[in-house]
C-alpha atoms as a PDB file:
ATOM      1  CA  MET A   1       1.263 -20.064   5.488  1.00  0.00           C
ATOM      2  CA  PHE A   2       4.932 -19.376   6.070  1.00  0.00           C
ATOM      3  CA  VAL A   3       6.515 -16.570   8.063  1.00  0.00           C
ATOM      4  CA  ILE A   4      10.112 -15.508   7.612  1.00  0.00           C
ATOM      5  CA  ALA A   5      11.486 -13.344  10.414  1.00  0.00           C
ATOM      6  CA  GLY A   6      14.959 -12.274  11.316  1.00  0.00           C
ATOM      7  CA  THR A   7      17.672  -9.690  11.272  1.00  0.00           C
ATOM      8  CA  ILE A   8      20.338  -8.355   8.958  1.00  0.00           C
ATOM      9  CA  GLN A   9      23.365  -6.802  10.649  1.00  0.00           C
ATOM     10  CA  VAL A  10      24.949  -3.885   8.808  1.00  0.00           C
ATOM     11  CA  ASP A  11      27.745  -1.416   9.301  1.00  0.00           C
ATOM     12  CA  PRO A  12      25.998   1.490  11.096  1.00  0.00           C
ATOM     13  CA  ALA A  13      27.789   3.968   8.828  1.00  0.00           C
ATOM     14  CA  LYS A  14      25.999   2.380   5.838  1.00  0.00           C
ATOM     15  CA  ARG A  15      22.593   1.790   7.450  1.00  0.00           C
ATOM     16  CA  GLN A  16      20.905   4.760   5.758  1.00  0.00           C
ATOM     17  CA  GLU A  17      22.261   3.578   2.393  1.00  0.00           C
ATOM     18  CA  ALA A  18      20.203   0.406   2.889  1.00  0.00           C
ATOM     19  CA  VAL A  19      16.894   2.293   3.089  1.00  0.00           C
ATOM     20  CA  GLY A  20      16.469   2.938  -0.657  1.00  0.00           C
ATOM     21  CA  PRO A  21      17.285  -0.601  -1.824  1.00  0.00           C
ATOM     22  CA  ALA A  22      15.159  -2.092   0.985  1.00  0.00           C
ATOM     23  CA  ALA A  23      12.182   0.095   0.016  1.00  0.00           C
ATOM     24  CA  GLU A  24      12.535  -0.983  -3.628  1.00  0.00           C
ATOM     25  CA  MET A  25      12.749  -4.632  -2.579  1.00  0.00           C
ATOM     26  CA  MET A  26       9.587  -4.214  -0.495  1.00  0.00           C
ATOM     27  CA  ARG A  27       7.687  -2.609  -3.410  1.00  0.00           C
ATOM     28  CA  GLU A  28       8.664  -5.345  -5.869  1.00  0.00           C
ATOM     29  CA  THR A  29       8.082  -8.228  -3.453  1.00  0.00           C
ATOM     30  CA  ARG A  30       4.659  -7.002  -2.344  1.00  0.00           C
ATOM     31  CA  MET A  31       3.506  -7.376  -5.966  1.00  0.00           C
ATOM     32  CA  GLU A  32       4.533 -11.041  -6.119  1.00  0.00           C
ATOM     33  CA  PRO A  33       1.811 -13.695  -6.220  1.00  0.00           C
ATOM     34  CA  GLY A  34       1.524 -15.415  -2.851  1.00  0.00           C
ATOM     35  CA  ASN A  35       3.061 -12.600  -0.827  1.00  0.00           C
ATOM     36  CA  ILE A  36       0.947 -11.527   2.137  1.00  0.00           C
ATOM     37  CA  GLU A  37       3.387  -9.189   3.925  1.00  0.00           C
ATOM     38  CA  TYR A  38       6.958  -8.054   3.374  1.00  0.00           C
ATOM     39  CA  ALA A  39       8.657  -5.457   5.554  1.00  0.00           C
ATOM     40  CA  PHE A  40      12.038  -4.175   6.591  1.00  0.00           C
ATOM     41  CA  SER A  41      12.397  -1.965   9.672  1.00  0.00           C
ATOM     42  CA  LEU A  42      15.286  -0.214  11.361  1.00  0.00           C
ATOM     43  CA  ASP A  43      15.838  -1.332  14.955  1.00  0.00           C
ATOM     44  CA  MET A  44      15.398   1.696  17.216  1.00  0.00           C
ATOM     45  CA  GLY A  45      17.743   0.355  19.889  1.00  0.00           C
ATOM     46  CA  ASP A  46      20.581  -1.030  17.761  1.00  0.00           C
ATOM     47  CA  GLU A  47      21.721   0.835  14.677  1.00  0.00           C
ATOM     48  CA  THR A  48      23.459  -2.259  13.313  1.00  0.00           C
ATOM     49  CA  ILE A  49      20.157  -4.161  12.950  1.00  0.00           C
ATOM     50  CA  ILE A  50      17.576  -4.184  10.170  1.00  0.00           C
ATOM     51  CA  ARG A  51      14.575  -6.374  10.972  1.00  0.00           C
ATOM     52  CA  VAL A  52      12.827  -8.488   8.337  1.00  0.00           C
ATOM     53  CA  PHE A  53       9.255  -9.818   8.448  1.00  0.00           C
ATOM     54  CA  GLU A  54       7.588 -11.766   5.625  1.00  0.00           C
ATOM     55  CA  GLN A  55       4.378 -13.781   5.197  1.00  0.00           C
ATOM     56  CA  TRP A  56       3.847 -16.155   2.275  1.00  0.00           C
ATOM     57  CA  GLU A  57       0.851 -18.238   1.196  1.00  0.00           C
ATOM     58  CA  SER A  58       2.972 -21.230   0.183  1.00  0.00           C
ATOM     59  CA  GLN A  59       6.454 -22.634  -0.171  1.00  0.00           C
ATOM     60  CA  GLU A  60       6.046 -22.362  -3.953  1.00  0.00           C
ATOM     61  CA  ALA A  61       5.472 -18.603  -3.668  1.00  0.00           C
ATOM     62  CA  LEU A  62       8.534 -18.287  -1.446  1.00  0.00           C
ATOM     63  CA  ASP A  63      10.625 -20.314  -3.914  1.00  0.00           C
ATOM     64  CA  LEU A  64       9.553 -18.003  -6.755  1.00  0.00           C
ATOM     65  CA  HIS A  65      10.509 -15.010  -4.610  1.00  0.00           C
ATOM     66  CA  PHE A  66      14.028 -16.361  -4.114  1.00  0.00           C
ATOM     67  CA  ALA A  67      14.341 -16.752  -7.900  1.00  0.00           C
ATOM     68  CA  ALA A  68      12.996 -13.262  -8.721  1.00  0.00           C
ATOM     69  CA  PRO A  69      15.314 -10.788 -10.480  1.00  0.00           C
ATOM     70  CA  HIS A  70      14.835  -8.136  -7.774  1.00  0.00           C
ATOM     71  CA  MET A  71      16.031 -10.681  -5.179  1.00  0.00           C
ATOM     72  CA  ALA A  72      19.272 -11.181  -7.125  1.00  0.00           C
ATOM     73  CA  THR A  73      19.735  -7.419  -7.327  1.00  0.00           C
ATOM     74  CA  PHE A  74      19.084  -6.990  -3.605  1.00  0.00           C
ATOM     75  CA  ARG A  75      21.558  -9.744  -2.698  1.00  0.00           C
ATOM     76  CA  LYS A  76      24.234  -7.897  -4.672  1.00  0.00           C
ATOM     77  CA  VAL A  77      23.395  -4.607  -2.912  1.00  0.00           C
ATOM     78  CA  LEU A  78      23.602  -6.318   0.493  1.00  0.00           C
ATOM     79  CA  GLY A  79      27.201  -7.201  -0.286  1.00  0.00           C
ATOM     80  CA  GLU A  80      27.970  -3.507  -0.775  1.00  0.00           C
ATOM     81  CA  LEU A  81      26.278  -2.360   2.445  1.00  0.00           C
ATOM     82  CA  GLY A  82      28.691  -3.775   4.978  1.00  0.00           C
ATOM     83  CA  VAL A  83      26.503  -6.718   6.013  1.00  0.00           C
ATOM     84  CA  THR A  84      28.206  -8.380   8.958  1.00  0.00           C
ATOM     85  CA  GLY A  85      25.626 -11.062   9.684  1.00  0.00           C
ATOM     86  CA  MET A  86      22.192 -12.410   9.021  1.00  0.00           C
ATOM     87  CA  ASP A  87      19.842 -14.490  11.151  1.00  0.00           C
ATOM     88  CA  MET A  88      16.656 -15.532   9.365  1.00  0.00           C
ATOM     89  CA  LYS A  89      14.122 -18.143  10.457  1.00  0.00           C
ATOM     90  CA  ARG A  90      11.258 -19.815   8.545  1.00  0.00           C
ATOM     91  CA  TYR A  91       8.082 -20.657  10.464  1.00  0.00           C
ATOM     92  CA  GLU A  92       5.210 -22.782   9.203  1.00  0.00           C
ATOM     93  CA  ILE A  93       1.931 -21.407  10.583  1.00  0.00           C
ATOM     94  CA  GLU A  94      -1.126 -23.651  11.031  1.00  0.00           C
ATOM     95  CA  SER A  95      -3.552 -21.039  12.339  1.00  0.00           C
ATOM     96  CA  VAL A  96      -3.795 -17.293  12.899  1.00  0.00           C
ATOM     97  CA  GLY A  97      -6.121 -15.327  15.142  1.00  0.00           C
ATOM     98  CA  PRO A  98      -6.363 -12.088  17.067  1.00  0.00           C
ATOM     99  CA  LEU A  99      -4.066 -11.542  20.021  1.00  0.00           C
ATOM    100  CA  PHE A 100      -6.984 -10.504  22.203  1.00  0.00           C
ATOM    101  CA  SER A 101     -10.543 -11.781  21.848  1.00  0.00           C
END
């Protein structure tokens, strides 16, 4: 399993404009084969930050996601939303379990 986690920095004046396109991206991506979780969230302490969290069954599923038409559309929208930075990391997960037993 792969986890993608990170942040997108946006112009705070355009942050609310990002909500609609992000929600559409979430809807489309969650229907993709191999997607386990896909979420955007607004940082409550920093209005320039949108947090990203994704889980994928395989690298192949992630590669198909990057080639999906809705990904191309979302990339274009990001360019119009005053994105000032992005910090995304890919983690390969060997095992998963509850935080508390």
